[in-house]
Amino acid sequence: MNQDSVVGTAKNLGGKAQESVGRAMGDAKMQADGLINQAAGTAQELYGQVKDGASEAAEAVMQGAASAEDYVRQTIEKRPYTIAVVALCAGWLLGRIGRRGY
């Protein structure tokens, strides 16, 4: 939970309290301000949740990339001649495609 989520929740609760007081006192402006603060708090809270989700997704992608890098490194270390032949064939194919004018 980040700062935006906490502040948003606090604004939302404060807005609910303000709306309740406005309703009890019969003050339409205070009631409307409470609703506005609730909406702003909810928006900030949702922003914080999205921010947390994006951070978690980025971390998962970085872990996946590290795993892929480890796999490729281990494969190259275990089978260097196979990788060299595959690279040679890929280069030859790219060269052939380049000659045809594609």
PDB file of N, CA and C in Angstrom:
ATOM      1  N   MET A   1       0.860  -1.169   0.000  1.00  0.00           N
ATOM      2  CA  MET A   1       0.000   0.000   0.000  1.00  0.00           C
ATOM      3  C   MET A   1       0.905   1.229   0.000  1.00  0.00           C
ATOM      4  N   ASN A   2       0.714   2.113  -0.947  1.00  0.00           N
ATOM      5  CA  ASN A   2       1.561   3.290  -1.040  1.00  0.00           C
ATOM      6  C   ASN A   2       0.862   4.521  -0.456  1.00  0.00           C
ATOM      7  N   GLN A   3       1.554   5.645  -0.517  1.00  0.00           N
ATOM      8  CA  GLN A   3       1.058   6.869   0.107  1.00  0.00           C
ATOM      9  C   GLN A   3      -0.240   7.345  -0.543  1.00  0.00           C
ATOM     10  N   ASP A   4      -0.382   7.207  -1.846  1.00  0.00           N
ATOM     11  CA  ASP A   4      -1.600   7.649  -2.524  1.00  0.00           C
ATOM     12  C   ASP A   4      -2.821   6.877  -2.036  1.00  0.00           C
ATOM     13  N   SER A   5      -2.666   5.589  -1.821  1.00  0.00           N
ATOM     14  CA  SER A   5      -3.779   4.784  -1.325  1.00  0.00           C
ATOM     15  C   SER A   5      -4.196   5.220   0.074  1.00  0.00           C
ATOM     16  N   VAL A   6      -3.213   5.474   0.932  1.00  0.00           N
ATOM     17  CA  VAL A   6      -3.501   5.876   2.310  1.00  0.00           C
ATOM     18  C   VAL A   6      -4.175   7.245   2.350  1.00  0.00           C
ATOM     19  N   VAL A   7      -3.612   8.199   1.602  1.00  0.00           N
ATOM     20  CA  VAL A   7      -4.185   9.553   1.582  1.00  0.00           C
ATOM     21  C   VAL A   7      -5.581   9.524   0.964  1.00  0.00           C
ATOM     22  N   GLY A   8      -5.761   8.743  -0.072  1.00  0.00           N
ATOM     23  CA  GLY A   8      -7.069   8.630  -0.710  1.00  0.00           C
ATOM     24  C   GLY A   8      -8.118   8.055   0.232  1.00  0.00           C
ATOM     25  N   THR A   9      -7.740   7.043   0.981  1.00  0.00           N
ATOM     26  CA  THR A   9      -8.667   6.461   1.954  1.00  0.00           C
ATOM     27  C   THR A   9      -9.027   7.488   3.029  1.00  0.00           C
ATOM     28  N   ALA A  10      -8.026   8.233   3.484  1.00  0.00           N
ATOM     29  CA  ALA A  10      -8.282   9.259   4.505  1.00  0.00           C
ATOM     30  C   ALA A  10      -9.217  10.344   3.967  1.00  0.00           C
ATOM     31  N   LYS A  11      -8.992  10.781   2.728  1.00  0.00           N
ATOM     32  CA  LYS A  11      -9.871  11.801   2.129  1.00  0.00           C
ATOM     33  C   LYS A  11     -11.300  11.270   1.994  1.00  0.00           C
ATOM     34  N   ASN A  12     -11.412  10.028   1.595  1.00  0.00           N
ATOM     35  CA  ASN A  12     -12.724   9.413   1.424  1.00  0.00           C
ATOM     36  C   ASN A  12     -13.466   9.373   2.764  1.00  0.00           C
ATOM     37  N   LEU A  13     -12.793   8.931   3.815  1.00  0.00           N
ATOM     38  CA  LEU A  13     -13.422   8.871   5.133  1.00  0.00           C
ATOM     39  C   LEU A  13     -13.762  10.265   5.649  1.00  0.00           C
ATOM     40  N   GLY A  14     -12.840  11.214   5.424  1.00  0.00           N
ATOM     41  CA  GLY A  14     -13.114  12.597   5.828  1.00  0.00           C
ATOM     42  C   GLY A  14     -14.311  13.170   5.084  1.00  0.00           C
ATOM     43  N   GLY A  15     -14.422  12.850   3.808  1.00  0.00           N
ATOM     44  CA  GLY A  15     -15.558  13.315   3.013  1.00  0.00           C
ATOM     45  C   GLY A  15     -16.868  12.728   3.496  1.00  0.00           C
ATOM     46  N   LYS A  16     -16.840  11.453   3.900  1.00  0.00           N
ATOM     47  CA  LYS A  16     -18.055  10.830   4.434  1.00  0.00           C
ATOM     48  C   LYS A  16     -18.483  11.507   5.731  1.00  0.00           C
ATOM     49  N   ALA A  17     -17.491  11.796   6.574  1.00  0.00           N
ATOM     50  CA  ALA A  17     -17.803  12.481   7.833  1.00  0.00           C
ATOM     51  C   ALA A  17     -18.359  13.876   7.561  1.00  0.00           C
ATOM     52  N   GLN A  18     -17.735  14.574   6.637  1.00  0.00           N
ATOM     53  CA  GLN A  18     -18.184  15.928   6.288  1.00  0.00           C
ATOM     54  C   GLN A  18     -19.603  15.891   5.716  1.00  0.00           C
ATOM     55  N   GLU A  19     -19.871  14.918   4.880  1.00  0.00           N
ATOM     56  CA  GLU A  19     -21.219  14.790   4.319  1.00  0.00           C
ATOM     57  C   GLU A  19     -22.248  14.515   5.425  1.00  0.00           C
ATOM     58  N   SER A  20     -21.892  13.632   6.343  1.00  0.00           N
ATOM     59  CA  SER A  20     -22.808  13.302   7.447  1.00  0.00           C
ATOM     60  C   SER A  20     -23.095  14.517   8.323  1.00  0.00           C
ATOM     61  N   VAL A  21     -22.051  15.280   8.634  1.00  0.00           N
ATOM     62  CA  VAL A  21     -22.245  16.486   9.448  1.00  0.00           C
ATOM     63  C   VAL A  21     -23.105  17.491   8.689  1.00  0.00           C
ATOM     64  N   GLY A  22     -22.827  17.642   7.406  1.00  0.00           N
ATOM     65  CA  GLY A  22     -23.624  18.561   6.588  1.00  0.00           C
ATOM     66  C   GLY A  22     -25.078  18.154   6.523  1.00  0.00           C
ATOM     67  N   ARG A  23     -25.326  16.865   6.402  1.00  0.00           N
ATOM     68  CA  ARG A  23     -26.699  16.368   6.361  1.00  0.00           C
ATOM     69  C   ARG A  23     -27.386  16.606   7.711  1.00  0.00           C
ATOM     70  N   ALA A  24     -26.673  16.354   8.814  1.00  0.00           N
ATOM     71  CA  ALA A  24     -27.248  16.535  10.152  1.00  0.00           C
ATOM     72  C   ALA A  24     -27.550  18.008  10.436  1.00  0.00           C
ATOM     73  N   MET A  25     -26.693  18.898   9.923  1.00  0.00           N
ATOM     74  CA  MET A  25     -26.889  20.326  10.171  1.00  0.00           C
ATOM     75  C   MET A  25     -27.802  20.968   9.140  1.00  0.00           C
ATOM     76  N   GLY A  26     -28.099  20.245   8.078  1.00  0.00           N
ATOM     77  CA  GLY A  26     -28.931  20.807   7.021  1.00  0.00           C
ATOM     78  C   GLY A  26     -28.162  21.756   6.125  1.00  0.00           C
ATOM     79  N   ASP A  27     -26.838  21.630   6.081  1.00  0.00           N
ATOM     80  CA  ASP A  27     -25.972  22.499   5.275  1.00  0.00           C
ATOM     81  C   ASP A  27     -25.671  21.801   3.943  1.00  0.00           C
ATOM     82  N   ALA A  28     -26.331  22.264   2.895  1.00  0.00           N
ATOM     83  CA  ALA A  28     -26.186  21.625   1.581  1.00  0.00           C
ATOM     84  C   ALA A  28     -24.778  21.796   1.029  1.00  0.00           C
ATOM     85  N   LYS A  29     -24.150  22.951   1.276  1.00  0.00           N
ATOM     86  CA  LYS A  29     -22.793  23.180   0.768  1.00  0.00           C
ATOM     87  C   LYS A  29     -21.800  22.231   1.426  1.00  0.00           C
ATOM     88  N   MET A  30     -21.900  22.066   2.741  1.00  0.00           N
ATOM     89  CA  MET A  30     -20.997  21.144   3.437  1.00  0.00           C
ATOM     90  C   MET A  30     -21.230  19.714   2.969  1.00  0.00           C
ATOM     91  N   GLN A  31     -22.455  19.373   2.720  1.00  0.00           N
ATOM     92  CA  GLN A  31     -22.798  18.041   2.236  1.00  0.00           C
ATOM     93  C   GLN A  31     -22.196  17.818   0.845  1.00  0.00           C
ATOM     94  N   ALA A  32     -22.306  18.823  -0.019  1.00  0.00           N
ATOM     95  CA  ALA A  32     -21.743  18.725  -1.372  1.00  0.00           C
ATOM     96  C   ALA A  32     -20.221  18.653  -1.322  1.00  0.00           C
ATOM     97  N   ASP A  33     -19.607  19.455  -0.447  1.00  0.00           N
ATOM     98  CA  ASP A  33     -18.147  19.404  -0.305  1.00  0.00           C
ATOM     99  C   ASP A  33     -17.696  18.023   0.174  1.00  0.00           C
ATOM    100  N   GLY A  34     -18.487  17.421   1.063  1.00  0.00           N
ATOM    101  CA  GLY A  34     -18.166  16.070   1.523  1.00  0.00           C
ATOM    102  C   GLY A  34     -18.206  15.056   0.395  1.00  0.00           C
ATOM    103  N   LEU A  35     -19.200  15.184  -0.466  1.00  0.00           N
ATOM    104  CA  LEU A  35     -19.290  14.280  -1.623  1.00  0.00           C
ATOM    105  C   LEU A  35     -18.112  14.486  -2.572  1.00  0.00           C
ATOM    106  N   ILE A  36     -17.717  15.736  -2.759  1.00  0.00           N
ATOM    107  CA  ILE A  36     -16.569  16.037  -3.637  1.00  0.00           C
ATOM    108  C   ILE A  36     -15.295  15.438  -3.043  1.00  0.00           C
ATOM    109  N   ASN A  37     -15.119  15.589  -1.722  1.00  0.00           N
ATOM    110  CA  ASN A  37     -13.933  15.013  -1.081  1.00  0.00           C
ATOM    111  C   ASN A  37     -13.946  13.487  -1.157  1.00  0.00           C
ATOM    112  N   GLN A  38     -15.108  12.887  -1.062  1.00  0.00           N
ATOM    113  CA  GLN A  38     -15.208  11.432  -1.206  1.00  0.00           C
ATOM    114  C   GLN A  38     -14.769  10.994  -2.600  1.00  0.00           C
ATOM    115  N   ALA A  39     -15.241  11.716  -3.603  1.00  0.00           N
ATOM    116  CA  ALA A  39     -14.884  11.370  -4.986  1.00  0.00           C
ATOM    117  C   ALA A  39     -13.378  11.536  -5.212  1.00  0.00           C
ATOM    118  N   ALA A  40     -12.819  12.641  -4.692  1.00  0.00           N
ATOM    119  CA  ALA A  40     -11.380  12.868  -4.848  1.00  0.00           C
ATOM    120  C   ALA A  40     -10.584  11.791  -4.115  1.00  0.00           C
ATOM    121  N   GLY A  41     -11.040  11.414  -2.920  1.00  0.00           N
ATOM    122  CA  GLY A  41     -10.357  10.367  -2.168  1.00  0.00           C
ATOM    123  C   GLY A  41     -10.415   9.026  -2.859  1.00  0.00           C
ATOM    124  N   THR A  42     -11.570   8.698  -3.406  1.00  0.00           N
ATOM    125  CA  THR A  42     -11.714   7.430  -4.126  1.00  0.00           C
ATOM    126  C   THR A  42     -10.804   7.401  -5.348  1.00  0.00           C
ATOM    127  N   ALA A  43     -10.749   8.522  -6.070  1.00  0.00           N
ATOM    128  CA  ALA A  43      -9.886   8.593  -7.255  1.00  0.00           C
ATOM    129  C   ALA A  43      -8.418   8.429  -6.870  1.00  0.00           C
ATOM    130  N   GLN A  44      -7.992   9.082  -5.808  1.00  0.00           N
ATOM    131  CA  GLN A  44      -6.595   8.973  -5.386  1.00  0.00           C
ATOM    132  C   GLN A  44      -6.284   7.567  -4.882  1.00  0.00           C
ATOM    133  N   GLU A  45      -7.229   6.956  -4.202  1.00  0.00           N
ATOM    134  CA  GLU A  45      -7.040   5.592  -3.724  1.00  0.00           C
ATOM    135  C   GLU A  45      -6.901   4.614  -4.898  1.00  0.00           C
ATOM    136  N   LEU A  46      -7.740   4.783  -5.913  1.00  0.00           N
ATOM    137  CA  LEU A  46      -7.651   3.927  -7.103  1.00  0.00           C
ATOM    138  C   LEU A  46      -6.331   4.139  -7.836  1.00  0.00           C
ATOM    139  N   TYR A  47      -5.888   5.392  -7.894  1.00  0.00           N
ATOM    140  CA  TYR A  47      -4.595   5.694  -8.519  1.00  0.00           C
ATOM    141  C   TYR A  47      -3.472   4.956  -7.788  1.00  0.00           C
ATOM    142  N   GLY A  48      -3.534   4.965  -6.465  1.00  0.00           N
ATOM    143  CA  GLY A  48      -2.529   4.257  -5.681  1.00  0.00           C
ATOM    144  C   GLY A  48      -2.554   2.762  -5.933  1.00  0.00           C
ATOM    145  N   GLN A  49      -3.755   2.201  -6.067  1.00  0.00           N
ATOM    146  CA  GLN A  49      -3.864   0.769  -6.337  1.00  0.00           C
ATOM    147  C   GLN A  49      -3.305   0.414  -7.711  1.00  0.00           C
ATOM    148  N   VAL A  50      -3.587   1.263  -8.700  1.00  0.00           N
ATOM    149  CA  VAL A  50      -3.057   1.027 -10.051  1.00  0.00           C
ATOM    150  C   VAL A  50      -1.541   1.143 -10.044  1.00  0.00           C
ATOM    151  N   LYS A  51      -1.042   2.115  -9.305  1.00  0.00           N
ATOM    152  CA  LYS A  51       0.399   2.317  -9.198  1.00  0.00           C
ATOM    153  C   LYS A  51       1.063   1.084  -8.584  1.00  0.00           C
ATOM    154  N   ASP A  52       0.459   0.524  -7.533  1.00  0.00           N
ATOM    155  CA  ASP A  52       0.982  -0.703  -6.916  1.00  0.00           C
ATOM    156  C   ASP A  52       0.954  -1.866  -7.904  1.00  0.00           C
ATOM    157  N   GLY A  53      -0.151  -1.988  -8.644  1.00  0.00           N
ATOM    158  CA  GLY A  53      -0.272  -3.069  -9.624  1.00  0.00           C
ATOM    159  C   GLY A  53       0.770  -2.972 -10.720  1.00  0.00           C
ATOM    160  N   ALA A  54       1.021  -1.754 -11.188  1.00  0.00           N
ATOM    161  CA  ALA A  54       2.027  -1.564 -12.235  1.00  0.00           C
ATOM    162  C   ALA A  54       3.414  -1.900 -11.715  1.00  0.00           C
ATOM    163  N   SER A  55       3.679  -1.544 -10.484  1.00  0.00           N
ATOM    164  CA  SER A  55       4.979  -1.851  -9.886  1.00  0.00           C
ATOM    165  C   SER A  55       5.177  -3.361  -9.770  1.00  0.00           C
ATOM    166  N   GLU A  56       4.139  -4.056  -9.342  1.00  0.00           N
ATOM    167  CA  GLU A  56       4.221  -5.516  -9.230  1.00  0.00           C
ATOM    168  C   GLU A  56       4.393  -6.172 -10.596  1.00  0.00           C
ATOM    169  N   ALA A  57       3.699  -5.647 -11.607  1.00  0.00           N
ATOM    170  CA  ALA A  57       3.826  -6.207 -12.959  1.00  0.00           C
ATOM    171  C   ALA A  57       5.238  -6.000 -13.500  1.00  0.00           C
ATOM    172  N   ALA A  58       5.805  -4.825 -13.267  1.00  0.00           N
ATOM    173  CA  ALA A  58       7.169  -4.549 -13.731  1.00  0.00           C
ATOM    174  C   ALA A  58       8.169  -5.479 -13.050  1.00  0.00           C
ATOM    175  N   GLU A  59       7.953  -5.735 -11.773  1.00  0.00           N
ATOM    176  CA  GLU A  59       8.840  -6.644 -11.047  1.00  0.00           C
ATOM    177  C   GLU A  59       8.744  -8.062 -11.604  1.00  0.00           C
ATOM    178  N   ALA A  60       7.526  -8.488 -11.939  1.00  0.00           N
ATOM    179  CA  ALA A  60       7.342  -9.827 -12.505  1.00  0.00           C
ATOM    180  C   ALA A  60       8.027  -9.944 -13.867  1.00  0.00           C
ATOM    181  N   VAL A  61       7.944  -8.904 -14.678  1.00  0.00           N
ATOM    182  CA  VAL A  61       8.600  -8.914 -15.991  1.00  0.00           C
ATOM    183  C   VAL A  61      10.114  -8.988 -15.821  1.00  0.00           C
ATOM    184  N   MET A  62      10.631  -8.231 -14.860  1.00  0.00           N
ATOM    185  CA  MET A  62      12.080  -8.255 -14.630  1.00  0.00           C
ATOM    186  C   MET A  62      12.542  -9.635 -14.168  1.00  0.00           C
ATOM    187  N   GLN A  63      11.753 -10.287 -13.323  1.00  0.00           N
ATOM    188  CA  GLN A  63      12.108 -11.636 -12.880  1.00  0.00           C
ATOM    189  C   GLN A  63      12.058 -12.622 -14.040  1.00  0.00           C
ATOM    190  N   GLY A  64      11.059 -12.465 -14.919  1.00  0.00           N
ATOM    191  CA  GLY A  64      10.956 -13.335 -16.087  1.00  0.00           C
ATOM    192  C   GLY A  64      12.132 -13.147 -17.029  1.00  0.00           C
ATOM    193  N   ALA A  65      12.549 -11.895 -17.208  1.00  0.00           N
ATOM    194  CA  ALA A  65      13.696 -11.620 -18.076  1.00  0.00           C
ATOM    195  C   ALA A  65      14.970 -12.213 -17.482  1.00  0.00           C
ATOM    196  N   ALA A  66      15.114 -12.121 -16.180  1.00  0.00           N
ATOM    197  CA  ALA A  66      16.292 -12.699 -15.538  1.00  0.00           C
ATOM    198  C   ALA A  66      16.294 -14.220 -15.692  1.00  0.00           C
ATOM    199  N   SER A  67      15.131 -14.835 -15.585  1.00  0.00           N
ATOM    200  CA  SER A  67      15.038 -16.287 -15.761  1.00  0.00           C
ATOM    201  C   SER A  67      15.391 -16.680 -17.196  1.00  0.00           C
ATOM    202  N   ALA A  68      14.888 -15.910 -18.159  1.00  0.00           N
ATOM    203  CA  ALA A  68      15.191 -16.193 -19.564  1.00  0.00           C
ATOM    204  C   ALA A  68      16.687 -16.031 -19.835  1.00  0.00           C
ATOM    205  N   GLU A  69      17.278 -14.995 -19.243  1.00  0.00           N
ATOM    206  CA  GLU A  69      18.712 -14.774 -19.429  1.00  0.00           C
ATOM    207  C   GLU A  69      19.513 -15.942 -18.848  1.00  0.00           C
ATOM    208  N   ASP A  70      19.112 -16.404 -17.672  1.00  0.00           N
ATOM    209  CA  ASP A  70      19.790 -17.549 -17.060  1.00  0.00           C
ATOM    210  C   ASP A  70      19.672 -18.789 -17.930  1.00  0.00           C
ATOM    211  N   TYR A  71      18.491 -19.021 -18.495  1.00  0.00           N
ATOM    212  CA  TYR A  71      18.281 -20.186 -19.349  1.00  0.00           C
ATOM    213  C   TYR A  71      19.179 -20.127 -20.594  1.00  0.00           C
ATOM    214  N   VAL A  72      19.206 -18.957 -21.224  1.00  0.00           N
ATOM    215  CA  VAL A  72      20.035 -18.808 -22.432  1.00  0.00           C
ATOM    216  C   VAL A  72      21.506 -18.991 -22.079  1.00  0.00           C
ATOM    217  N   ARG A  73      21.933 -18.390 -20.982  1.00  0.00           N
ATOM    218  CA  ARG A  73      23.339 -18.514 -20.572  1.00  0.00           C
ATOM    219  C   ARG A  73      23.703 -19.967 -20.301  1.00  0.00           C
ATOM    220  N   GLN A  74      22.846 -20.704 -19.609  1.00  0.00           N
ATOM    221  CA  GLN A  74      23.125 -22.112 -19.310  1.00  0.00           C
ATOM    222  C   GLN A  74      23.150 -22.944 -20.583  1.00  0.00           C
ATOM    223  N   THR A  75      22.237 -22.644 -21.509  1.00  0.00           N
ATOM    224  CA  THR A  75      22.199 -23.391 -22.772  1.00  0.00           C
ATOM    225  C   THR A  75      23.477 -23.155 -23.571  1.00  0.00           C
ATOM    226  N   ILE A  76      23.933 -21.914 -23.606  1.00  0.00           N
ATOM    227  CA  ILE A  76      25.174 -21.608 -24.334  1.00  0.00           C
ATOM    228  C   ILE A  76      26.358 -22.304 -23.681  1.00  0.00           C
ATOM    229  N   GLU A  77      26.384 -22.329 -22.353  1.00  0.00           N
ATOM    230  CA  GLU A  77      27.494 -22.973 -21.660  1.00  0.00           C
ATOM    231  C   GLU A  77      27.482 -24.489 -21.834  1.00  0.00           C
ATOM    232  N   LYS A  78      26.306 -25.088 -21.886  1.00  0.00           N
ATOM    233  CA  LYS A  78      26.206 -26.543 -22.005  1.00  0.00           C
ATOM    234  C   LYS A  78      26.432 -27.021 -23.437  1.00  0.00           C
ATOM    235  N   ARG A  79      25.958 -26.258 -24.422  1.00  0.00           N
ATOM    236  CA  ARG A  79      26.019 -26.693 -25.819  1.00  0.00           C
ATOM    237  C   ARG A  79      26.603 -25.588 -26.717  1.00  0.00           C
ATOM    238  N   PRO A  80      27.859 -25.245 -26.544  1.00  0.00           N
ATOM    239  CA  PRO A  80      28.417 -24.137 -27.328  1.00  0.00           C
ATOM    240  C   PRO A  80      28.484 -24.428 -28.831  1.00  0.00           C
ATOM    241  N   TYR A  81      28.762 -25.670 -29.202  1.00  0.00           N
ATOM    242  CA  TYR A  81      28.863 -25.985 -30.627  1.00  0.00           C
ATOM    243  C   TYR A  81      27.496 -25.945 -31.306  1.00  0.00           C
ATOM    244  N   THR A  82      26.485 -26.412 -30.626  1.00  0.00           N
ATOM    245  CA  THR A  82      25.132 -26.374 -31.175  1.00  0.00           C
ATOM    246  C   THR A  82      24.695 -24.929 -31.381  1.00  0.00           C
ATOM    247  N   ILE A  83      24.966 -24.094 -30.410  1.00  0.00           N
ATOM    248  CA  ILE A  83      24.596 -22.682 -30.517  1.00  0.00           C
ATOM    249  C   ILE A  83      25.360 -22.019 -31.657  1.00  0.00           C
ATOM    250  N   ALA A  84      26.629 -22.378 -31.826  1.00  0.00           N
ATOM    251  CA  ALA A  84      27.422 -21.800 -32.913  1.00  0.00           C
ATOM    252  C   ALA A  84      26.844 -22.199 -34.276  1.00  0.00           C
ATOM    253  N   VAL A  85      26.427 -23.449 -34.411  1.00  0.00           N
ATOM    254  CA  VAL A  85      25.834 -23.909 -35.674  1.00  0.00           C
ATOM    255  C   VAL A  85      24.509 -23.200 -35.924  1.00  0.00           C
ATOM    256  N   VAL A  86      23.690 -23.057 -34.894  1.00  0.00           N
ATOM    257  CA  VAL A  86      22.412 -22.361 -35.044  1.00  0.00           C
ATOM    258  C   VAL A  86      22.647 -20.911 -35.449  1.00  0.00           C
ATOM    259  N   ALA A  87      23.608 -20.251 -34.827  1.00  0.00           N
ATOM    260  CA  ALA A  87      23.915 -18.861 -35.169  1.00  0.00           C
ATOM    261  C   ALA A  87      24.432 -18.753 -36.606  1.00  0.00           C
ATOM    262  N   LEU A  88      25.256 -19.699 -37.015  1.00  0.00           N
ATOM    263  CA  LEU A  88      25.771 -19.704 -38.384  1.00  0.00           C
ATOM    264  C   LEU A  88      24.636 -19.866 -39.390  1.00  0.00           C
ATOM    265  N   CYS A  89      23.712 -20.780 -39.120  1.00  0.00           N
ATOM    266  CA  CYS A  89      22.568 -20.992 -40.016  1.00  0.00           C
ATOM    267  C   CYS A  89      21.666 -19.763 -40.064  1.00  0.00           C
ATOM    268  N   ALA A  90      21.426 -19.158 -38.922  1.00  0.00           N
ATOM    269  CA  ALA A  90      20.590 -17.955 -38.895  1.00  0.00           C
ATOM    270  C   ALA A  90      21.243 -16.831 -39.694  1.00  0.00           C
ATOM    271  N   GLY A  91      22.540 -16.668 -39.553  1.00  0.00           N
ATOM    272  CA  GLY A  91      23.252 -15.650 -40.331  1.00  0.00           C
ATOM    273  C   GLY A  91      23.198 -15.932 -41.819  1.00  0.00           C
ATOM    274  N   TRP A  92      23.365 -17.192 -42.186  1.00  0.00           N
ATOM    275  CA  TRP A  92      23.304 -17.563 -43.600  1.00  0.00           C
ATOM    276  C   TRP A  92      21.923 -17.263 -44.176  1.00  0.00           C
ATOM    277  N   LEU A  93      20.841 -17.619 -43.403  1.00  0.00           N
ATOM    278  CA  LEU A  93      19.481 -17.347 -43.878  1.00  0.00           C
ATOM    279  C   LEU A  93      19.226 -15.847 -44.023  1.00  0.00           C
ATOM    280  N   LEU A  94      19.671 -15.079 -43.065  1.00  0.00           N
ATOM    281  CA  LEU A  94      19.492 -13.623 -43.162  1.00  0.00           C
ATOM    282  C   LEU A  94      20.243 -13.056 -44.363  1.00  0.00           C
ATOM    283  N   GLY A  95      21.415 -13.612 -44.631  1.00  0.00           N
ATOM    284  CA  GLY A  95      22.181 -13.188 -45.801  1.00  0.00           C
ATOM    285  C   GLY A  95      21.463 -13.512 -47.103  1.00  0.00           C
ATOM    286  N   ARG A  96      20.850 -14.685 -47.177  1.00  0.00           N
ATOM    287  CA  ARG A  96      20.107 -15.083 -48.353  1.00  0.00           C
ATOM    288  C   ARG A  96      18.874 -14.194 -48.573  1.00  0.00           C
ATOM    289  N   ILE A  97      18.203 -13.887 -47.490  1.00  0.00           N
ATOM    290  CA  ILE A  97      17.035 -13.018 -47.595  1.00  0.00           C
ATOM    291  C   ILE A  97      17.450 -11.630 -48.056  1.00  0.00           C
ATOM    292  N   GLY A  98      18.588 -11.154 -47.557  1.00  0.00           N
ATOM    293  CA  GLY A  98      19.081  -9.837 -47.946  1.00  0.00           C
ATOM    294  C   GLY A  98      19.449  -9.745 -49.415  1.00  0.00           C
ATOM    295  N   ARG A  99      19.924 -10.834 -50.001  1.00  0.00           N
ATOM    296  CA  ARG A  99      20.305 -10.843 -51.411  1.00  0.00           C
ATOM    297  C   ARG A  99      19.094 -10.746 -52.325  1.00  0.00           C
ATOM    298  N   ARG A 100      17.974 -11.276 -51.885  1.00  0.00           N
ATOM    299  CA  ARG A 100      16.775 -11.286 -52.736  1.00  0.00           C
ATOM    300  C   ARG A 100      16.118  -9.928 -52.793  1.00  0.00           C
ATOM    301  N   GLY A 101      16.517  -9.014 -51.941  1.00  0.00           N
ATOM    302  CA  GLY A 101      15.976  -7.657 -52.016  1.00  0.00           C
ATOM    303  C   GLY A 101      14.719  -7.438 -51.197  1.00  0.00           C
ATOM    304  N   TYR A 102      14.487  -8.275 -50.242  1.00  0.00           N
ATOM    305  CA  TYR A 102      13.310  -8.109 -49.395  1.00  0.00           C
ATOM    306  C   TYR A 102      13.516  -6.989 -48.436  1.00  0.00           C
TER     307      TYR A 102
END
